[in-house]
Amino acid sequence: MKTNARSRARRLAMQAIYEWQMTANDPQSIINQVRHDQSMKKVDDDYFEELVKQVTNKVKELDAHITPLLDRDLDDIDLVEKAVLRLGAYELEHRMDVPYKVVINEAVELAKIFGAEEGYRFVNGIMDKMAEKLRVIEVQAIKK
């Protein structure tokens, strides 16, 4: 149950982050709007709020992890993929309780659902590289 509730939280958080990127509206207003428009019954609401607030709050820090891994300018990245990468970067760096493979799988799934046709491949590649930098010990332990 917890996993599904977290997956739903990520999905709504990614949509909220996408909206924030598009509109630059106040993150709390977007959170309130999502809560008003969506059924939050099977969503980890605290996790949803944390993701939206922290990603929007730490966007420069998160972008600093993403940008060196790109083959193009961050502004040229599809907004859905950018939202997914920012969300994934936050979880890799700040949510050590979530295994890096789960973070990557969730990011790829979000990109498959909402992104461009082959966008999930791009997201997967960037997330793998980011995990190698942000979760060095965990990645090395699994590769052994």
N, C-alpha and C. Protein backbone atom coordinates (compact mmCIF):
# COMPACT_ATOMS: atom_id res chain seq x y z
N MET A 1 0.83 -1.21 0.00
CA MET A 1 0.00 0.00 0.00
C MET A 1 0.86 1.26 0.00
N LYS A 2 1.90 1.26 0.85
CA LYS A 2 2.77 2.43 0.95
C LYS A 2 3.40 2.77 -0.40
N THR A 3 3.85 1.72 -1.12
CA THR A 3 4.49 1.94 -2.41
C THR A 3 3.52 2.59 -3.40
N ASN A 4 2.31 2.06 -3.50
CA ASN A 4 1.33 2.64 -4.41
C ASN A 4 0.99 4.07 -4.02
N ALA A 5 0.87 4.33 -2.73
CA ALA A 5 0.57 5.68 -2.26
C ALA A 5 1.71 6.63 -2.60
N ARG A 6 2.93 6.14 -2.51
CA ARG A 6 4.09 6.96 -2.88
C ARG A 6 4.15 7.17 -4.39
N SER A 7 3.86 6.13 -5.15
CA SER A 7 3.84 6.28 -6.61
C SER A 7 2.82 7.33 -7.03
N ARG A 8 1.64 7.27 -6.41
CA ARG A 8 0.61 8.27 -6.71
C ARG A 8 1.07 9.66 -6.29
N ALA A 9 1.76 9.75 -5.15
CA ALA A 9 2.29 11.04 -4.70
C ALA A 9 3.30 11.59 -5.70
N ARG A 10 4.17 10.73 -6.21
CA ARG A 10 5.16 11.16 -7.22
C ARG A 10 4.47 11.64 -8.49
N ARG A 11 3.46 10.92 -8.89
CA ARG A 11 2.75 11.26 -10.13
C ARG A 11 2.12 12.66 -10.01
N LEU A 12 1.43 12.90 -8.89
CA LEU A 12 0.82 14.22 -8.68
C LEU A 12 1.88 15.29 -8.48
N ALA A 13 2.95 14.94 -7.79
CA ALA A 13 4.03 15.91 -7.57
C ALA A 13 4.67 16.30 -8.91
N MET A 14 4.91 15.32 -9.77
CA MET A 14 5.50 15.63 -11.08
C MET A 14 4.58 16.57 -11.86
N GLN A 15 3.28 16.34 -11.80
CA GLN A 15 2.34 17.20 -12.51
C GLN A 15 2.34 18.61 -11.89
N ALA A 16 2.45 18.68 -10.58
CA ALA A 16 2.49 19.98 -9.90
C ALA A 16 3.78 20.72 -10.25
N ILE A 17 4.89 20.01 -10.28
CA ILE A 17 6.18 20.61 -10.64
C ILE A 17 6.13 21.09 -12.09
N TYR A 18 5.54 20.30 -12.95
CA TYR A 18 5.36 20.70 -14.35
C TYR A 18 4.58 22.02 -14.42
N GLU A 19 3.48 22.08 -13.68
CA GLU A 19 2.67 23.30 -13.67
C GLU A 19 3.49 24.48 -13.15
N TRP A 20 4.25 24.25 -12.09
CA TRP A 20 5.10 25.31 -11.52
C TRP A 20 6.11 25.82 -12.57
N GLN A 21 6.70 24.89 -13.33
CA GLN A 21 7.64 25.28 -14.38
C GLN A 21 6.95 26.12 -15.45
N MET A 22 5.71 25.78 -15.76
CA MET A 22 4.96 26.47 -16.81
C MET A 22 4.49 27.86 -16.37
N THR A 23 4.06 27.95 -15.10
CA THR A 23 3.36 29.16 -14.66
C THR A 23 4.14 30.01 -13.66
N ALA A 24 5.10 29.41 -12.97
CA ALA A 24 5.83 30.07 -11.87
C ALA A 24 4.89 30.49 -10.74
N ASN A 25 3.72 29.83 -10.67
CA ASN A 25 2.79 30.11 -9.56
C ASN A 25 3.39 29.61 -8.26
N ASP A 26 2.87 30.12 -7.15
CA ASP A 26 3.30 29.73 -5.83
C ASP A 26 3.09 28.23 -5.64
N PRO A 27 4.14 27.49 -5.23
CA PRO A 27 4.00 26.04 -5.05
C PRO A 27 2.86 25.64 -4.11
N GLN A 28 2.67 26.39 -3.03
CA GLN A 28 1.59 26.04 -2.09
C GLN A 28 0.23 26.19 -2.76
N SER A 29 0.06 27.19 -3.60
CA SER A 29 -1.20 27.35 -4.34
C SER A 29 -1.45 26.16 -5.28
N ILE A 30 -0.38 25.71 -5.91
CA ILE A 30 -0.50 24.56 -6.81
C ILE A 30 -0.86 23.31 -6.00
N ILE A 31 -0.20 23.12 -4.86
CA ILE A 31 -0.50 21.99 -3.97
C ILE A 31 -1.97 22.02 -3.57
N ASN A 32 -2.43 23.17 -3.15
CA ASN A 32 -3.84 23.31 -2.73
C ASN A 32 -4.79 22.99 -3.88
N GLN A 33 -4.45 23.45 -5.08
CA GLN A 33 -5.29 23.20 -6.25
C GLN A 33 -5.34 21.71 -6.58
N VAL A 34 -4.18 21.04 -6.51
CA VAL A 34 -4.15 19.59 -6.77
C VAL A 34 -5.02 18.87 -5.75
N ARG A 35 -4.88 19.25 -4.49
CA ARG A 35 -5.69 18.60 -3.44
C ARG A 35 -7.18 18.83 -3.67
N HIS A 36 -7.52 19.97 -4.20
CA HIS A 36 -8.93 20.29 -4.48
C HIS A 36 -9.44 19.49 -5.67
N ASP A 37 -8.59 19.33 -6.70
CA ASP A 37 -9.00 18.71 -7.96
C ASP A 37 -8.89 17.19 -7.98
N GLN A 38 -8.03 16.63 -7.15
CA GLN A 38 -7.74 15.20 -7.19
C GLN A 38 -8.23 14.49 -5.93
N SER A 39 -8.53 13.24 -6.07
CA SER A 39 -8.80 12.43 -4.88
C SER A 39 -7.45 12.09 -4.25
N MET A 40 -7.28 12.45 -3.01
CA MET A 40 -6.02 12.21 -2.32
C MET A 40 -6.12 10.99 -1.40
N LYS A 41 -7.21 10.23 -1.54
CA LYS A 41 -7.49 9.12 -0.63
C LYS A 41 -6.36 8.07 -0.62
N LYS A 42 -5.84 7.71 -1.79
CA LYS A 42 -4.82 6.68 -1.88
C LYS A 42 -3.44 7.26 -2.20
N VAL A 43 -3.22 8.50 -1.77
CA VAL A 43 -1.97 9.21 -2.03
C VAL A 43 -1.27 9.46 -0.71
N ASP A 44 0.05 9.28 -0.68
CA ASP A 44 0.85 9.68 0.47
C ASP A 44 0.94 11.21 0.41
N ASP A 45 -0.01 11.86 1.04
CA ASP A 45 -0.15 13.31 0.93
C ASP A 45 1.06 14.06 1.48
N ASP A 46 1.61 13.59 2.57
CA ASP A 46 2.80 14.25 3.14
C ASP A 46 3.97 14.17 2.16
N TYR A 47 4.12 13.02 1.52
CA TYR A 47 5.22 12.84 0.56
C TYR A 47 4.99 13.74 -0.66
N PHE A 48 3.76 13.79 -1.13
CA PHE A 48 3.40 14.68 -2.24
C PHE A 48 3.81 16.12 -1.93
N GLU A 49 3.41 16.61 -0.76
CA GLU A 49 3.72 17.99 -0.39
C GLU A 49 5.22 18.20 -0.25
N GLU A 50 5.91 17.25 0.37
CA GLU A 50 7.36 17.37 0.51
C GLU A 50 8.03 17.48 -0.86
N LEU A 51 7.65 16.60 -1.78
CA LEU A 51 8.27 16.60 -3.11
C LEU A 51 8.07 17.93 -3.82
N VAL A 52 6.85 18.43 -3.83
CA VAL A 52 6.59 19.68 -4.54
C VAL A 52 7.34 20.84 -3.89
N LYS A 53 7.23 20.95 -2.58
CA LYS A 53 7.88 22.07 -1.89
C LYS A 53 9.40 22.01 -2.00
N GLN A 54 9.96 20.82 -1.81
CA GLN A 54 11.42 20.71 -1.81
C GLN A 54 12.01 20.84 -3.21
N VAL A 55 11.37 20.26 -4.20
CA VAL A 55 11.90 20.38 -5.57
C VAL A 55 11.87 21.84 -6.01
N THR A 56 10.77 22.52 -5.75
CA THR A 56 10.67 23.92 -6.18
C THR A 56 11.62 24.80 -5.35
N ASN A 57 11.84 24.43 -4.12
CA ASN A 57 12.72 25.18 -3.22
C ASN A 57 14.20 24.98 -3.56
N LYS A 58 14.57 23.78 -3.98
CA LYS A 58 15.97 23.41 -4.21
C LYS A 58 16.30 23.29 -5.70
N VAL A 59 15.53 23.96 -6.53
CA VAL A 59 15.65 23.75 -7.98
C VAL A 59 17.07 24.04 -8.50
N LYS A 60 17.72 25.06 -8.00
CA LYS A 60 19.08 25.37 -8.48
C LYS A 60 20.06 24.26 -8.12
N GLU A 61 19.95 23.77 -6.90
CA GLU A 61 20.80 22.66 -6.43
C GLU A 61 20.55 21.41 -7.26
N LEU A 62 19.29 21.11 -7.52
CA LEU A 62 18.94 19.92 -8.30
C LEU A 62 19.41 20.05 -9.74
N ASP A 63 19.22 21.23 -10.31
CA ASP A 63 19.67 21.46 -11.69
C ASP A 63 21.18 21.32 -11.81
N ALA A 64 21.90 21.66 -10.74
CA ALA A 64 23.36 21.53 -10.76
C ALA A 64 23.79 20.06 -10.85
N HIS A 65 22.95 19.14 -10.40
CA HIS A 65 23.24 17.72 -10.55
C HIS A 65 22.89 17.22 -11.95
N ILE A 66 21.88 17.82 -12.54
CA ILE A 66 21.37 17.37 -13.84
C ILE A 66 22.20 17.93 -15.00
N THR A 67 22.47 19.22 -14.96
CA THR A 67 23.08 19.94 -16.09
C THR A 67 24.37 19.31 -16.62
N PRO A 68 25.32 18.90 -15.77
CA PRO A 68 26.56 18.33 -16.32
C PRO A 68 26.36 17.01 -17.07
N LEU A 69 25.23 16.38 -16.88
CA LEU A 69 24.97 15.08 -17.50
C LEU A 69 24.25 15.21 -18.85
N LEU A 70 23.86 16.43 -19.19
CA LEU A 70 23.07 16.66 -20.41
C LEU A 70 23.95 16.87 -21.63
N ASP A 71 23.39 16.53 -22.78
CA ASP A 71 24.06 16.78 -24.05
C ASP A 71 23.50 18.03 -24.74
N ARG A 72 22.68 18.77 -24.00
CA ARG A 72 22.08 20.00 -24.50
C ARG A 72 21.78 20.91 -23.30
N ASP A 73 21.34 22.10 -23.60
CA ASP A 73 21.05 23.05 -22.54
C ASP A 73 19.80 22.60 -21.76
N LEU A 74 19.80 22.84 -20.47
CA LEU A 74 18.66 22.46 -19.63
C LEU A 74 17.36 23.09 -20.15
N ASP A 75 17.44 24.29 -20.67
CA ASP A 75 16.23 24.96 -21.18
C ASP A 75 15.67 24.28 -22.43
N ASP A 76 16.47 23.43 -23.06
CA ASP A 76 16.01 22.71 -24.26
C ASP A 76 15.36 21.37 -23.93
N ILE A 77 15.34 21.01 -22.65
CA ILE A 77 14.75 19.74 -22.23
C ILE A 77 13.23 19.91 -22.16
N ASP A 78 12.52 18.90 -22.63
CA ASP A 78 11.06 18.86 -22.54
C ASP A 78 10.66 19.10 -21.08
N LEU A 79 9.61 19.89 -20.86
CA LEU A 79 9.22 20.26 -19.49
C LEU A 79 8.78 19.07 -18.65
N VAL A 80 8.18 18.08 -19.27
CA VAL A 80 7.81 16.88 -18.52
C VAL A 80 9.09 16.16 -18.05
N GLU A 81 10.02 15.98 -18.97
CA GLU A 81 11.26 15.30 -18.63
C GLU A 81 12.05 16.10 -17.59
N LYS A 82 12.02 17.40 -17.69
CA LYS A 82 12.72 18.24 -16.71
C LYS A 82 12.09 18.07 -15.33
N ALA A 83 10.77 18.05 -15.26
CA ALA A 83 10.08 17.85 -13.98
C ALA A 83 10.43 16.48 -13.39
N VAL A 84 10.45 15.46 -14.23
CA VAL A 84 10.78 14.10 -13.78
C VAL A 84 12.23 14.05 -13.27
N LEU A 85 13.15 14.66 -14.01
CA LEU A 85 14.56 14.65 -13.60
C LEU A 85 14.77 15.41 -12.29
N ARG A 86 14.09 16.53 -12.14
CA ARG A 86 14.22 17.29 -10.90
C ARG A 86 13.67 16.50 -9.72
N LEU A 87 12.55 15.86 -9.92
CA LEU A 87 11.96 15.02 -8.88
C LEU A 87 12.90 13.88 -8.53
N GLY A 88 13.44 13.22 -9.54
CA GLY A 88 14.38 12.12 -9.31
C GLY A 88 15.65 12.58 -8.62
N ALA A 89 16.17 13.73 -9.02
CA ALA A 89 17.39 14.27 -8.38
C ALA A 89 17.14 14.53 -6.91
N TYR A 90 15.97 15.08 -6.59
CA TYR A 90 15.64 15.33 -5.19
C TYR A 90 15.63 14.02 -4.40
N GLU A 91 14.95 13.02 -4.94
CA GLU A 91 14.86 11.76 -4.20
C GLU A 91 16.23 11.09 -4.06
N LEU A 92 17.03 11.13 -5.11
CA LEU A 92 18.36 10.53 -5.02
C LEU A 92 19.21 11.21 -3.96
N GLU A 93 19.12 12.52 -3.89
CA GLU A 93 19.97 13.25 -2.96
C GLU A 93 19.44 13.29 -1.52
N HIS A 94 18.14 13.41 -1.37
CA HIS A 94 17.58 13.70 -0.05
C HIS A 94 16.74 12.59 0.57
N ARG A 95 16.38 11.56 -0.19
CA ARG A 95 15.53 10.49 0.34
C ARG A 95 16.29 9.16 0.29
N MET A 96 17.26 9.04 1.18
CA MET A 96 18.07 7.83 1.21
C MET A 96 17.26 6.59 1.61
N ASP A 97 16.06 6.81 2.16
CA ASP A 97 15.18 5.69 2.51
C ASP A 97 14.57 5.03 1.27
N VAL A 98 14.67 5.70 0.13
CA VAL A 98 14.13 5.15 -1.11
C VAL A 98 15.31 4.61 -1.93
N PRO A 99 15.36 3.30 -2.18
CA PRO A 99 16.46 2.73 -2.96
C PRO A 99 16.60 3.41 -4.32
N TYR A 100 17.85 3.60 -4.75
CA TYR A 100 18.07 4.33 -6.01
C TYR A 100 17.38 3.66 -7.19
N LYS A 101 17.29 2.33 -7.19
CA LYS A 101 16.62 1.64 -8.31
C LYS A 101 15.13 1.97 -8.35
N VAL A 102 14.54 2.16 -7.19
CA VAL A 102 13.13 2.56 -7.12
C VAL A 102 12.98 3.98 -7.68
N VAL A 103 13.88 4.88 -7.31
CA VAL A 103 13.82 6.25 -7.82
C VAL A 103 13.91 6.25 -9.34
N ILE A 104 14.86 5.49 -9.87
CA ILE A 104 15.03 5.43 -11.33
C ILE A 104 13.80 4.82 -12.00
N ASN A 105 13.32 3.70 -11.48
CA ASN A 105 12.14 3.04 -12.08
C ASN A 105 10.92 3.95 -12.07
N GLU A 106 10.72 4.66 -10.97
CA GLU A 106 9.57 5.57 -10.88
C GLU A 106 9.72 6.72 -11.89
N ALA A 107 10.93 7.24 -12.02
CA ALA A 107 11.17 8.33 -12.98
C ALA A 107 10.90 7.86 -14.41
N VAL A 108 11.38 6.68 -14.72
CA VAL A 108 11.17 6.13 -16.07
C VAL A 108 9.68 5.92 -16.33
N GLU A 109 8.96 5.40 -15.36
CA GLU A 109 7.52 5.19 -15.52
C GLU A 109 6.79 6.51 -15.75
N LEU A 110 7.16 7.54 -14.99
CA LEU A 110 6.53 8.85 -15.19
C LEU A 110 6.82 9.39 -16.59
N ALA A 111 8.05 9.20 -17.04
CA ALA A 111 8.42 9.67 -18.39
C ALA A 111 7.67 8.88 -19.46
N LYS A 112 7.44 7.59 -19.23
CA LYS A 112 6.67 6.79 -20.19
C LYS A 112 5.23 7.27 -20.27
N ILE A 113 4.65 7.59 -19.13
CA ILE A 113 3.25 8.00 -19.08
C ILE A 113 3.04 9.40 -19.64
N PHE A 114 3.88 10.33 -19.23
CA PHE A 114 3.63 11.75 -19.53
C PHE A 114 4.57 12.36 -20.56
N GLY A 115 5.72 11.75 -20.79
CA GLY A 115 6.74 12.36 -21.64
C GLY A 115 6.58 12.07 -23.11
N ALA A 116 7.54 12.55 -23.87
CA ALA A 116 7.59 12.31 -25.30
C ALA A 116 7.82 10.81 -25.54
N GLU A 117 7.60 10.37 -26.78
CA GLU A 117 7.61 8.94 -27.10
C GLU A 117 8.85 8.20 -26.61
N GLU A 118 10.02 8.71 -26.85
CA GLU A 118 11.25 8.05 -26.41
C GLU A 118 11.90 8.77 -25.22
N GLY A 119 11.17 9.67 -24.61
CA GLY A 119 11.71 10.46 -23.51
C GLY A 119 12.16 9.64 -22.33
N TYR A 120 11.51 8.51 -22.11
CA TYR A 120 11.88 7.67 -20.97
C TYR A 120 13.31 7.15 -21.09
N ARG A 121 13.78 6.93 -22.32
CA ARG A 121 15.16 6.46 -22.52
C ARG A 121 16.15 7.53 -22.07
N PHE A 122 15.86 8.76 -22.44
CA PHE A 122 16.69 9.90 -22.04
C PHE A 122 16.70 10.02 -20.52
N VAL A 123 15.52 9.96 -19.91
CA VAL A 123 15.39 10.06 -18.45
C VAL A 123 16.17 8.92 -17.79
N ASN A 124 16.03 7.72 -18.30
CA ASN A 124 16.73 6.57 -17.73
C ASN A 124 18.25 6.79 -17.74
N GLY A 125 18.78 7.24 -18.86
CA GLY A 125 20.22 7.47 -18.98
C GLY A 125 20.73 8.52 -18.00
N ILE A 126 20.01 9.62 -17.89
CA ILE A 126 20.41 10.70 -16.98
C ILE A 126 20.29 10.23 -15.53
N MET A 127 19.21 9.55 -15.21
CA MET A 127 19.00 9.08 -13.84
C MET A 127 20.09 8.07 -13.44
N ASP A 128 20.47 7.17 -14.35
CA ASP A 128 21.55 6.22 -14.06
C ASP A 128 22.84 6.95 -13.72
N LYS A 129 23.18 7.93 -14.54
CA LYS A 129 24.42 8.70 -14.30
C LYS A 129 24.34 9.48 -12.99
N MET A 130 23.18 10.03 -12.70
CA MET A 130 23.01 10.79 -11.47
C MET A 130 23.13 9.89 -10.25
N ALA A 131 22.57 8.70 -10.34
CA ALA A 131 22.64 7.74 -9.23
C ALA A 131 24.10 7.37 -8.95
N GLU A 132 24.90 7.22 -10.00
CA GLU A 132 26.31 6.88 -9.82
C GLU A 132 27.06 7.98 -9.07
N LYS A 133 26.62 9.22 -9.19
CA LYS A 133 27.26 10.34 -8.49
C LYS A 133 26.67 10.55 -7.09
N LEU A 134 25.36 10.46 -6.96
CA LEU A 134 24.70 10.79 -5.70
C LEU A 134 24.55 9.61 -4.75
N ARG A 135 24.61 8.41 -5.28
CA ARG A 135 24.45 7.19 -4.46
C ARG A 135 25.61 6.23 -4.71
N VAL A 136 26.82 6.74 -4.71
CA VAL A 136 28.01 5.96 -5.07
C VAL A 136 28.07 4.63 -4.32
N ILE A 137 27.96 4.67 -3.00
CA ILE A 137 28.11 3.46 -2.19
C ILE A 137 27.01 2.46 -2.51
N GLU A 138 25.78 2.93 -2.61
CA GLU A 138 24.65 2.04 -2.90
C GLU A 138 24.79 1.39 -4.28
N VAL A 139 25.17 2.19 -5.28
CA VAL A 139 25.33 1.68 -6.65
C VAL A 139 26.46 0.64 -6.69
N GLN A 140 27.59 0.96 -6.05
CA GLN A 140 28.73 0.02 -6.06
C GLN A 140 28.39 -1.26 -5.33
N ALA A 141 27.64 -1.17 -4.24
CA ALA A 141 27.27 -2.36 -3.47
C ALA A 141 26.41 -3.30 -4.31
N ILE A 142 25.54 -2.77 -5.11
CA ILE A 142 24.65 -3.60 -5.94
C ILE A 142 25.40 -4.17 -7.13
N LYS A 143 26.38 -3.43 -7.67
CA LYS A 143 27.12 -3.89 -8.84
C LYS A 143 28.10 -5.01 -8.49
N LYS A 144 28.43 -5.19 -7.22
CA LYS A 144 29.39 -6.24 -6.83
C LYS A 144 28.82 -7.61 -6.99
